[in-house]
Amino acid sequence: MQTATGRDGATRRVTVGLLGCGTVGQNVLKLLERRRGVFASMGVEVEVAGVLVRDLGRERDVPPGTPLRDDPTFLQECAVVIEALGGIETPLALLAPYLRSGRPVVTANKALLAERWDELREHALAGRLYYEAAVMAGTPVIGPMSTVLRASTFTRLQAVLNGTCNYVLSQMEAGKPYAEALAQAQALGYAEDPPTLDIGGFDTAHKLTVLARFCAHGDFPYSSVEIEGIEGVTLEDVRAAKAAGERIKLVAELRREGDGWHARVAPQRLPMTHPLCNEGASRNALVYEGEECGPLIFAGGGAGGMVTASAMVGDLLDWVLGFPGHVPLH
């Protein structure tokens, strides 16, 4: 695999291409500037060769001199590409030829990873795909699952993986009806418009699919996840749960069932003492269970521009150091 540093210790210039310059993309650019010293200590100078945008005239909060482009031909001169576009078809069309050339990609795109795995699998197995930020953003879960946790026999995971649903349900606990809580989430920018991807459970299902490939089956299909969102949760449901000492959470769950695996995303009533209710009160949280390692709890920020950027730049640092991308079970 191509690495960024030479054996002679001389400074190497690494050309980076960025797809997308929304909230995440802008924060990636800021963090690359902020971490120039870290890269320099590795003998590396990062050069942003181009940032692909749809509208060159739109004002953006980026470092001075950032080369904004509306033509993707600059990708051919890049050693590594960071994808922050979102969506499926557009990024896949841009990344497919780049990946086929044997070069690495850093992405946070869980929908692309979940739904178009057939086109991406060979590149992931070759270590060319880095996607820590695809699940729980800056809270590292994919890295541990793809490395040290493989020594333990996986049995089950439960997780809260969507901040919008967390916010809406917490507002309902405070007495707001579902429609009002959702409208507030949209007004604050927590939910997309329309918010179906979040509240319908599809975003969580994408993330569960990605996780399942590290602990259940390397080709776990998105179509195998049962999906139910929080649209049907009422104030009466929330109050009944609270009276019983429980909270309602949108839970992603993966567990063994016979000779296979059962994956489901759905609202669940959990005891107030459950880790997903404590650690995941306002953040993402995941409980991983293995025979040898026992239960492990991961919790932290699962969304936000700089939080996501921290994982993406962390993946870039891994590539610079020569570590392969996140390789699923195979």
Protein backbone atom coordinates (compact mmCIF):
# COMPACT_ATOMS: atom_id res chain seq x y z
CA MET A 1 0.00 0.00 0.00
CA GLN A 2 1.23 3.49 -0.80
CA THR A 3 2.37 5.50 2.21
CA ALA A 4 3.16 9.15 2.57
CA THR A 5 6.57 9.16 4.22
CA GLY A 6 9.92 8.16 2.84
CA ARG A 7 12.63 6.17 4.60
CA ASP A 8 15.14 8.99 4.27
CA GLY A 9 13.06 11.18 6.60
CA ALA A 10 12.70 13.95 4.02
CA THR A 11 9.52 16.01 3.99
CA ARG A 12 6.91 14.56 1.68
CA ARG A 13 4.13 16.57 0.14
CA VAL A 14 0.76 14.77 0.28
CA THR A 15 -1.90 16.09 -2.07
CA VAL A 16 -5.42 15.84 -0.67
CA GLY A 17 -8.68 16.27 -2.54
CA LEU A 18 -11.89 17.10 -0.67
CA LEU A 19 -15.36 16.37 -2.00
CA GLY A 20 -17.91 18.70 -0.46
CA CYS A 21 -17.56 21.89 1.55
CA GLY A 22 -20.54 21.90 3.85
CA THR A 23 -20.29 21.91 7.64
CA VAL A 24 -18.10 18.79 7.78
CA GLY A 25 -15.93 19.73 4.80
CA GLN A 26 -15.24 23.21 6.17
CA ASN A 27 -14.21 21.75 9.51
CA VAL A 28 -11.93 19.22 7.82
CA LEU A 29 -10.11 22.10 6.14
CA LYS A 30 -9.81 23.99 9.44
CA LEU A 31 -8.50 20.92 11.26
CA LEU A 32 -5.93 20.20 8.55
CA GLU A 33 -4.60 23.72 9.14
CA ARG A 34 -4.69 23.26 12.90
CA ARG A 35 -2.77 19.98 12.71
CA ARG A 36 -0.05 21.06 10.31
CA GLY A 37 2.48 20.69 13.11
CA VAL A 38 1.44 17.09 13.75
CA PHE A 39 1.85 16.21 10.09
CA ALA A 40 5.18 18.05 10.00
CA SER A 41 6.43 15.94 12.91
CA MET A 42 5.83 12.93 10.66
CA GLY A 43 7.77 14.53 7.83
CA VAL A 44 4.63 15.36 5.87
CA GLU A 45 3.26 18.54 4.36
CA VAL A 46 -0.43 18.35 3.44
CA GLU A 47 -1.47 20.26 0.34
CA VAL A 48 -5.16 20.61 -0.51
CA ALA A 49 -5.21 20.24 -4.29
CA GLY A 50 -8.88 21.09 -4.62
CA VAL A 51 -12.27 21.17 -2.94
CA LEU A 52 -15.20 20.14 -5.12
CA VAL A 53 -18.27 22.37 -4.65
CA ARG A 54 -21.53 22.87 -6.52
CA ASP A 55 -21.60 26.68 -6.27
CA LEU A 56 -18.32 28.58 -6.54
CA GLY A 57 -20.03 31.83 -5.59
CA ARG A 58 -21.33 30.67 -2.23
CA GLU A 59 -19.56 32.13 0.80
CA ARG A 60 -17.75 29.55 2.92
CA ASP A 61 -15.76 29.65 6.15
CA VAL A 62 -12.50 28.11 4.89
CA PRO A 63 -8.78 28.91 5.27
CA PRO A 64 -7.52 31.67 2.93
CA GLY A 65 -6.37 30.38 -0.44
CA THR A 66 -8.45 27.20 -0.33
CA PRO A 67 -8.78 26.08 -3.98
CA LEU A 68 -12.52 25.65 -4.60
CA ARG A 69 -13.37 23.78 -7.82
CA ASP A 70 -16.52 22.81 -9.69
CA ASP A 71 -14.65 20.40 -11.98
CA PRO A 72 -13.49 17.10 -10.42
CA THR A 73 -10.51 16.59 -12.76
CA PHE A 74 -8.18 17.72 -9.96
CA LEU A 75 -8.80 14.36 -8.27
CA GLN A 76 -6.37 12.73 -10.67
CA GLU A 77 -3.47 14.57 -9.04
CA CYS A 78 -4.45 13.66 -5.47
CA ALA A 79 -2.74 11.03 -3.34
CA VAL A 80 -5.82 10.67 -1.13
CA VAL A 81 -9.44 11.86 -1.29
CA ILE A 82 -11.69 12.84 1.61
CA GLU A 83 -15.40 12.51 0.79
CA ALA A 84 -17.81 14.78 2.68
CA LEU A 85 -20.59 15.09 0.11
CA GLY A 86 -23.19 12.74 1.53
CA GLY A 87 -25.73 10.97 -0.65
CA ILE A 88 -25.00 7.88 -2.68
CA GLU A 89 -24.92 8.14 -6.46
CA THR A 90 -22.86 11.33 -6.85
CA PRO A 91 -20.01 10.36 -4.50
CA LEU A 92 -19.95 6.81 -5.85
CA ALA A 93 -19.56 8.06 -9.43
CA LEU A 94 -16.67 10.28 -8.35
CA LEU A 95 -14.94 7.76 -6.10
CA ALA A 96 -15.26 4.55 -8.11
CA PRO A 97 -12.61 5.35 -10.75
CA TYR A 98 -10.35 6.85 -8.10
CA LEU A 99 -10.55 3.69 -5.95
CA ARG A 100 -9.97 1.48 -8.99
CA SER A 101 -6.68 3.32 -9.50
CA GLY A 102 -5.56 1.89 -6.15
CA ARG A 103 -5.66 5.11 -4.13
CA PRO A 104 -7.25 5.56 -0.69
CA VAL A 105 -10.48 7.29 0.32
CA VAL A 106 -11.55 8.69 3.69
CA THR A 107 -15.32 8.97 4.13
CA ALA A 108 -18.06 9.37 6.72
CA ASN A 109 -20.75 8.22 4.27
CA LYS A 110 -22.64 5.44 6.05
CA ALA A 111 -25.45 5.39 3.46
CA LEU A 112 -22.97 4.75 0.65
CA LEU A 113 -21.17 2.07 2.67
CA ALA A 114 -24.41 0.36 3.69
CA GLU A 115 -26.27 0.41 0.38
CA ARG A 116 -23.52 0.10 -2.25
CA TRP A 117 -21.22 -2.39 -0.57
CA ASP A 118 -20.91 -4.56 -3.69
CA GLU A 119 -18.99 -1.77 -5.42
CA LEU A 120 -16.86 -0.95 -2.37
CA ARG A 121 -16.07 -4.30 -0.79
CA GLU A 122 -12.90 -5.13 -2.75
CA HIS A 123 -11.44 -1.72 -1.90
CA ALA A 124 -12.26 -2.16 1.80
CA LEU A 125 -10.61 -5.59 1.82
CA ALA A 126 -7.55 -4.04 0.20
CA GLY A 127 -7.36 -1.47 3.02
CA ARG A 128 -8.13 1.51 0.81
CA LEU A 129 -11.30 2.64 2.63
CA TYR A 130 -11.05 4.60 5.88
CA TYR A 131 -14.42 5.29 7.55
CA GLU A 132 -14.17 5.68 11.31
CA ALA A 133 -16.43 8.74 11.07
CA ALA A 134 -19.27 6.76 9.47
CA VAL A 135 -20.54 5.58 12.88
CA MET A 136 -20.57 7.78 16.01
CA ALA A 137 -18.46 10.40 14.20
CA GLY A 138 -15.48 11.25 16.43
CA THR A 139 -16.16 8.50 18.99
CA PRO A 140 -13.94 5.58 17.87
CA VAL A 141 -15.87 2.31 17.56
CA ILE A 142 -14.98 0.99 14.10
CA GLY A 143 -11.25 1.03 14.84
CA PRO A 144 -11.54 -1.17 17.95
CA MET A 145 -14.01 -3.51 16.24
CA SER A 146 -11.74 -3.95 13.24
CA THR A 147 -8.65 -4.65 15.38
CA VAL A 148 -8.38 -5.68 19.04
CA LEU A 149 -12.00 -6.82 19.51
CA ARG A 150 -11.58 -9.50 16.87
CA ALA A 151 -9.84 -11.59 19.52
CA SER A 152 -13.13 -11.80 21.41
CA THR A 153 -16.17 -13.82 20.34
CA PHE A 154 -18.90 -11.29 19.58
CA THR A 155 -22.32 -11.99 21.06
CA ARG A 156 -24.42 -8.80 20.96
CA LEU A 157 -24.49 -5.05 20.57
CA GLN A 158 -27.02 -2.37 21.41
CA ALA A 159 -26.59 1.24 20.40
CA VAL A 160 -28.15 4.68 20.23
CA LEU A 161 -26.75 6.18 17.03
CA ASN A 162 -28.91 9.13 15.96
CA GLY A 163 -28.76 12.51 17.67
CA THR A 164 -31.98 13.80 16.13
CA CYS A 165 -34.02 10.95 17.61
CA ASN A 166 -32.24 11.41 20.93
CA TYR A 167 -33.19 15.09 20.96
CA VAL A 168 -36.82 14.56 19.95
CA LEU A 169 -37.39 11.85 22.56
CA SER A 170 -35.72 13.91 25.29
CA GLN A 171 -37.99 16.87 24.44
CA MET A 172 -41.00 14.57 24.63
CA GLU A 173 -39.83 13.50 28.08
CA ALA A 174 -40.00 17.19 28.98
CA GLY A 175 -43.65 17.24 27.88
CA LYS A 176 -43.52 18.43 24.28
CA PRO A 177 -45.65 16.58 21.71
CA TYR A 178 -43.78 14.73 18.96
CA ALA A 179 -44.58 17.27 16.21
CA GLU A 180 -43.41 20.21 18.33
CA ALA A 181 -40.21 18.43 19.40
CA LEU A 182 -39.40 17.53 15.80
CA ALA A 183 -40.06 21.08 14.59
CA GLN A 184 -37.68 22.39 17.25
CA ALA A 185 -35.01 19.88 16.19
CA GLN A 186 -35.34 21.11 12.62
CA ALA A 187 -35.22 24.76 13.67
CA LEU A 188 -31.98 24.10 15.57
CA GLY A 189 -30.48 22.30 12.58
CA TYR A 190 -30.43 18.88 14.26
CA ALA A 191 -32.77 17.30 11.72
CA GLU A 192 -32.83 17.42 7.96
CA ASP A 193 -35.83 18.66 6.00
CA PRO A 194 -37.52 16.30 5.38
CA PRO A 195 -36.25 14.45 8.47
CA THR A 196 -37.27 10.95 7.33
CA LEU A 197 -33.72 9.58 7.19
CA ASP A 198 -33.27 10.32 10.90
CA ILE A 199 -36.62 9.79 12.54
CA GLY A 200 -37.54 6.89 10.24
CA GLY A 201 -34.58 4.89 11.57
CA PHE A 202 -32.78 4.65 8.22
CA ASP A 203 -29.68 6.57 9.30
CA THR A 204 -29.36 4.27 12.33
CA ALA A 205 -29.86 1.21 10.11
CA HIS A 206 -27.05 2.35 7.80
CA LYS A 207 -24.73 2.60 10.79
CA LEU A 208 -25.81 -0.76 12.20
CA THR A 209 -25.08 -2.38 8.83
CA VAL A 210 -21.56 -0.97 8.84
CA LEU A 211 -20.95 -2.23 12.38
CA ALA A 212 -22.35 -5.68 11.61
CA ARG A 213 -19.65 -6.25 9.00
CA PHE A 214 -16.99 -6.14 11.70
CA CYS A 215 -18.63 -8.45 14.21
CA ALA A 216 -21.20 -10.66 12.44
CA HIS A 217 -20.54 -11.08 8.72
CA GLY A 218 -18.30 -9.15 6.36
CA ASP A 219 -21.02 -8.87 3.73
CA PHE A 220 -23.92 -8.16 6.06
CA PRO A 221 -26.64 -6.60 3.85
CA TYR A 222 -28.55 -3.44 4.64
CA SER A 223 -31.71 -5.21 3.49
CA SER A 224 -31.44 -7.59 6.47
CA VAL A 225 -32.02 -4.82 9.02
CA GLU A 226 -35.58 -4.52 10.34
CA ILE A 227 -36.37 -0.80 10.58
CA GLU A 228 -38.95 1.07 12.66
CA GLY A 229 -38.61 4.77 13.41
CA ILE A 230 -39.93 6.95 16.21
CA GLU A 231 -42.86 8.47 14.28
CA GLY A 232 -45.34 6.34 16.20
CA VAL A 233 -44.05 7.20 19.69
CA THR A 234 -46.60 9.27 21.61
CA LEU A 235 -46.43 11.42 24.73
CA GLU A 236 -48.50 8.73 26.45
CA ASP A 237 -45.85 6.12 25.58
CA VAL A 238 -43.08 8.33 26.98
CA ARG A 239 -45.02 9.05 30.18
CA ALA A 240 -45.85 5.37 30.71
CA ALA A 241 -42.18 4.46 30.32
CA LYS A 242 -41.13 7.17 32.77
CA ALA A 243 -43.70 5.98 35.33
CA ALA A 244 -42.17 2.51 35.09
CA GLY A 245 -38.63 3.84 35.59
CA GLU A 246 -37.77 3.52 31.92
CA ARG A 247 -36.87 5.67 28.92
CA ILE A 248 -37.71 5.20 25.25
CA LYS A 249 -34.70 5.14 22.93
CA LEU A 250 -34.30 4.35 19.25
CA VAL A 251 -32.09 1.28 19.64
CA ALA A 252 -29.96 -0.48 17.05
CA GLU A 253 -29.51 -4.10 18.08
CA LEU A 254 -27.53 -6.99 16.63
CA ARG A 255 -27.65 -10.42 18.23
CA ARG A 256 -27.22 -14.06 17.31
CA GLU A 257 -30.40 -15.90 16.34
CA GLY A 258 -29.97 -19.61 15.62
CA ASP A 259 -27.20 -19.98 13.06
CA GLY A 260 -27.51 -16.39 11.88
CA TRP A 261 -27.87 -12.83 13.10
CA HIS A 262 -30.85 -10.64 13.85
CA ALA A 263 -30.49 -6.91 13.21
CA ARG A 264 -33.20 -4.45 14.19
CA VAL A 265 -33.69 -0.71 14.63
CA ALA A 266 -36.76 0.23 16.69
CA PRO A 267 -37.91 2.25 19.72
CA GLN A 268 -37.36 0.32 22.94
CA ARG A 269 -38.19 0.91 26.58
CA LEU A 270 -35.01 0.58 28.61
CA PRO A 271 -34.43 0.81 32.36
CA MET A 272 -33.14 4.19 33.52
CA THR A 273 -30.01 2.37 34.73
CA HIS A 274 -29.20 0.96 31.26
CA PRO A 275 -25.93 2.32 29.81
CA LEU A 276 -27.78 3.62 26.75
CA CYS A 277 -29.94 5.75 29.04
CA ASN A 278 -27.03 7.01 31.13
CA GLU A 279 -24.12 7.36 28.73
CA GLY A 280 -26.45 8.03 25.82
CA ALA A 281 -28.58 10.62 27.58
CA SER A 282 -27.62 13.32 25.10
CA ARG A 283 -24.91 11.56 23.12
CA ASN A 284 -24.45 8.46 21.02
CA ALA A 285 -23.64 5.31 22.95
CA LEU A 286 -22.91 1.67 22.16
CA VAL A 287 -22.69 -1.45 24.32
CA TYR A 288 -20.55 -4.20 22.77
CA GLU A 289 -20.62 -7.66 24.31
CA GLY A 290 -18.05 -10.38 23.69
CA GLU A 291 -17.43 -13.67 25.46
CA GLU A 292 -13.85 -12.88 26.36
CA CYS A 293 -13.86 -9.07 26.65
CA GLY A 294 -17.21 -8.81 28.44
CA PRO A 295 -19.46 -5.75 28.00
CA LEU A 296 -17.77 -2.60 26.71
CA ILE A 297 -19.36 0.85 26.58
CA PHE A 298 -18.52 3.49 23.99
CA ALA A 299 -20.08 6.94 24.35
CA GLY A 300 -19.48 10.40 22.98
CA GLY A 301 -20.40 12.94 20.35
CA GLY A 302 -21.94 11.23 17.36
CA ALA A 303 -22.54 14.24 15.12
CA GLY A 304 -21.33 17.75 14.42
CA GLY A 305 -18.89 19.26 11.97
CA MET A 306 -15.70 19.32 14.03
CA VAL A 307 -16.47 16.04 15.81
CA THR A 308 -16.83 14.30 12.45
CA ALA A 309 -13.80 16.10 11.02
CA SER A 310 -11.67 14.88 13.93
CA ALA A 311 -12.27 11.26 12.93
CA MET A 312 -11.71 11.96 9.22
CA VAL A 313 -8.40 13.74 9.82
CA GLY A 314 -7.53 10.94 12.25
CA ASP A 315 -8.06 8.46 9.41
CA LEU A 316 -5.79 10.56 7.20
CA LEU A 317 -3.12 10.40 9.90
CA ASP A 318 -3.49 6.61 9.98
CA TRP A 319 -2.89 6.47 6.24
CA VAL A 320 0.16 8.73 6.56
CA LEU A 321 1.53 6.34 9.20
CA GLY A 322 0.95 3.39 6.87
CA PHE A 323 -1.97 1.76 8.67
CA PRO A 324 -4.53 0.13 6.35
CA GLY A 325 -8.16 1.22 6.24
CA HIS A 326 -10.99 -0.52 8.03
CA VAL A 327 -11.11 -4.11 6.81
CA PRO A 328 -14.38 -6.03 7.42
CA LEU A 329 -14.63 -9.70 8.32
CA HIS A 330 -13.64 -11.96 5.45
